[in-house]
Structure formats: structure tokens, C-alpha cells
C-alpha atoms as a PDB file:
ATOM      1  CA  MET A   1     -45.995 -56.164 -26.496  1.00  0.00           C
ATOM      2  CA  SER A   2     -42.353 -56.908 -27.214  1.00  0.00           C
ATOM      3  CA  LYS A   3     -39.783 -55.914 -24.599  1.00  0.00           C
ATOM      4  CA  ASP A   4     -37.413 -55.018 -27.466  1.00  0.00           C
ATOM      5  CA  ILE A   5     -39.465 -51.938 -28.388  1.00  0.00           C
ATOM      6  CA  PRO A   6     -38.338 -48.946 -26.289  1.00  0.00           C
ATOM      7  CA  PHE A   7     -40.563 -46.256 -24.849  1.00  0.00           C
ATOM      8  CA  CYS A   8     -40.597 -42.970 -26.750  1.00  0.00           C
ATOM      9  CA  PRO A   9     -39.495 -40.085 -24.517  1.00  0.00           C
ATOM     10  CA  LEU A  10     -40.923 -37.510 -26.953  1.00  0.00           C
ATOM     11  CA  MET A  11     -44.438 -38.979 -27.145  1.00  0.00           C
ATOM     12  CA  SER A  12     -44.429 -39.954 -23.454  1.00  0.00           C
ATOM     13  CA  ALA A  13     -43.441 -36.490 -22.183  1.00  0.00           C
ATOM     14  CA  GLY A  14     -46.249 -34.896 -20.216  1.00  0.00           C
ATOM     15  CA  SER A  15     -48.356 -38.055 -20.389  1.00  0.00           C
ATOM     16  CA  ASP A  16     -49.292 -40.360 -17.535  1.00  0.00           C
ATOM     17  CA  ILE A  17     -48.810 -43.338 -19.852  1.00  0.00           C
ATOM     18  CA  ASP A  18     -45.487 -44.363 -21.401  1.00  0.00           C
ATOM     19  CA  LYS A  19     -45.902 -44.705 -25.161  1.00  0.00           C
ATOM     20  CA  VAL A  20     -43.819 -47.105 -27.212  1.00  0.00           C
ATOM     21  CA  CYS A  21     -41.589 -46.102 -30.089  1.00  0.00           C
ATOM     22  CA  THR A  22     -43.217 -46.541 -33.497  1.00  0.00           C
ATOM     23  CA  LEU A  23     -39.825 -47.477 -34.977  1.00  0.00           C
ATOM     24  CA  GLU A  24     -39.800 -47.141 -38.813  1.00  0.00           C
ATOM     25  CA  ARG A  25     -42.970 -45.033 -38.782  1.00  0.00           C
ATOM     26  CA  CYS A  26     -41.302 -42.315 -36.679  1.00  0.00           C
ATOM     27  CA  ALA A  27     -39.516 -39.326 -38.221  1.00  0.00           C
ATOM     28  CA  TRP A  28     -36.830 -39.584 -35.515  1.00  0.00           C
ATOM     29  CA  PHE A  29     -36.018 -43.251 -36.247  1.00  0.00           C
ATOM     30  CA  VAL A  30     -32.736 -44.024 -38.042  1.00  0.00           C
ATOM     31  CA  PRO A  31     -33.253 -47.321 -39.945  1.00  0.00           C
ATOM     32  CA  SER A  32     -29.552 -47.982 -40.596  1.00  0.00           C
ATOM     33  CA  VAL A  33     -28.811 -48.294 -36.860  1.00  0.00           C
ATOM     34  CA  LYS A  34     -32.349 -49.195 -35.739  1.00  0.00           C
ATOM     35  CA  LYS A  35     -32.322 -46.481 -33.088  1.00  0.00           C
ATOM     36  CA  CYS A  36     -34.128 -43.242 -32.364  1.00  0.00           C
ATOM     37  CA  SER A  37     -32.063 -40.193 -33.287  1.00  0.00           C
ATOM     38  CA  MET A  38     -32.989 -38.641 -29.917  1.00  0.00           C
ATOM     39  CA  TYR A  39     -31.445 -41.664 -28.192  1.00  0.00           C
ATOM     40  CA  MET A  40     -28.338 -41.361 -30.344  1.00  0.00           C
ATOM     41  CA  LEU A  41     -28.038 -37.640 -29.596  1.00  0.00           C
ATOM     42  CA  ALA A  42     -28.309 -38.231 -25.843  1.00  0.00           C
ATOM     43  CA  TYR A  43     -25.912 -41.189 -25.941  1.00  0.00           C
ATOM     44  CA  ASN A  44     -23.283 -39.203 -27.863  1.00  0.00           C
ATOM     45  CA  ALA A  45     -23.614 -36.275 -25.448  1.00  0.00           C
ATOM     46  CA  LEU A  46     -23.135 -38.644 -22.508  1.00  0.00           C
ATOM     47  CA  GLN A  47     -20.066 -40.205 -24.113  1.00  0.00           C
ATOM     48  CA  GLU A  48     -18.585 -36.760 -24.773  1.00  0.00           C
ATOM     49  CA  ALA A  49     -19.273 -35.625 -21.196  1.00  0.00           C
ATOM     50  CA  THR A  50     -17.650 -38.793 -19.851  1.00  0.00           C
ATOM     51  CA  LEU A  51     -14.551 -38.201 -21.972  1.00  0.00           C
ATOM     52  CA  ARG A  52     -14.298 -34.592 -20.766  1.00  0.00           C
ATOM     53  CA  GLN A  53     -14.494 -35.700 -17.139  1.00  0.00           C
ATOM     54  CA  LYS A  54     -11.580 -38.099 -17.655  1.00  0.00           C
ATOM     55  CA  LYS A  55      -9.309 -35.265 -18.892  1.00  0.00           C
END
């Protein structure tokens, strides 16, 4: 298994086993940036929260 493939938080939730991201075969995957849209959503929210704390 490649270490470049991240674990999927959606498929792993509630499971005892971490499941890997299926990349292009997943509805949440954004091919243009090669990232999961859930990751992008969380990352953007974190960036926004960080900016608000600095104000």
C-alpha cells in the first residue's frame, strides 16, 4: 500500500479499521487538485478560523 494514499474519514467513521481513499473512484474526490472535497472543506474552515483568531 502506498503511503501517498490518505485514509478516508467518511468510510473509516464508525469502523475499527481505517479505510483508504479510493481517489478518482470516489464521489468526494476533486481530480483537478487531487484531493478529497471533505479535506478541502475542513482545510478551508481551519484557515478561516485561524484568520479570525488573528484579528
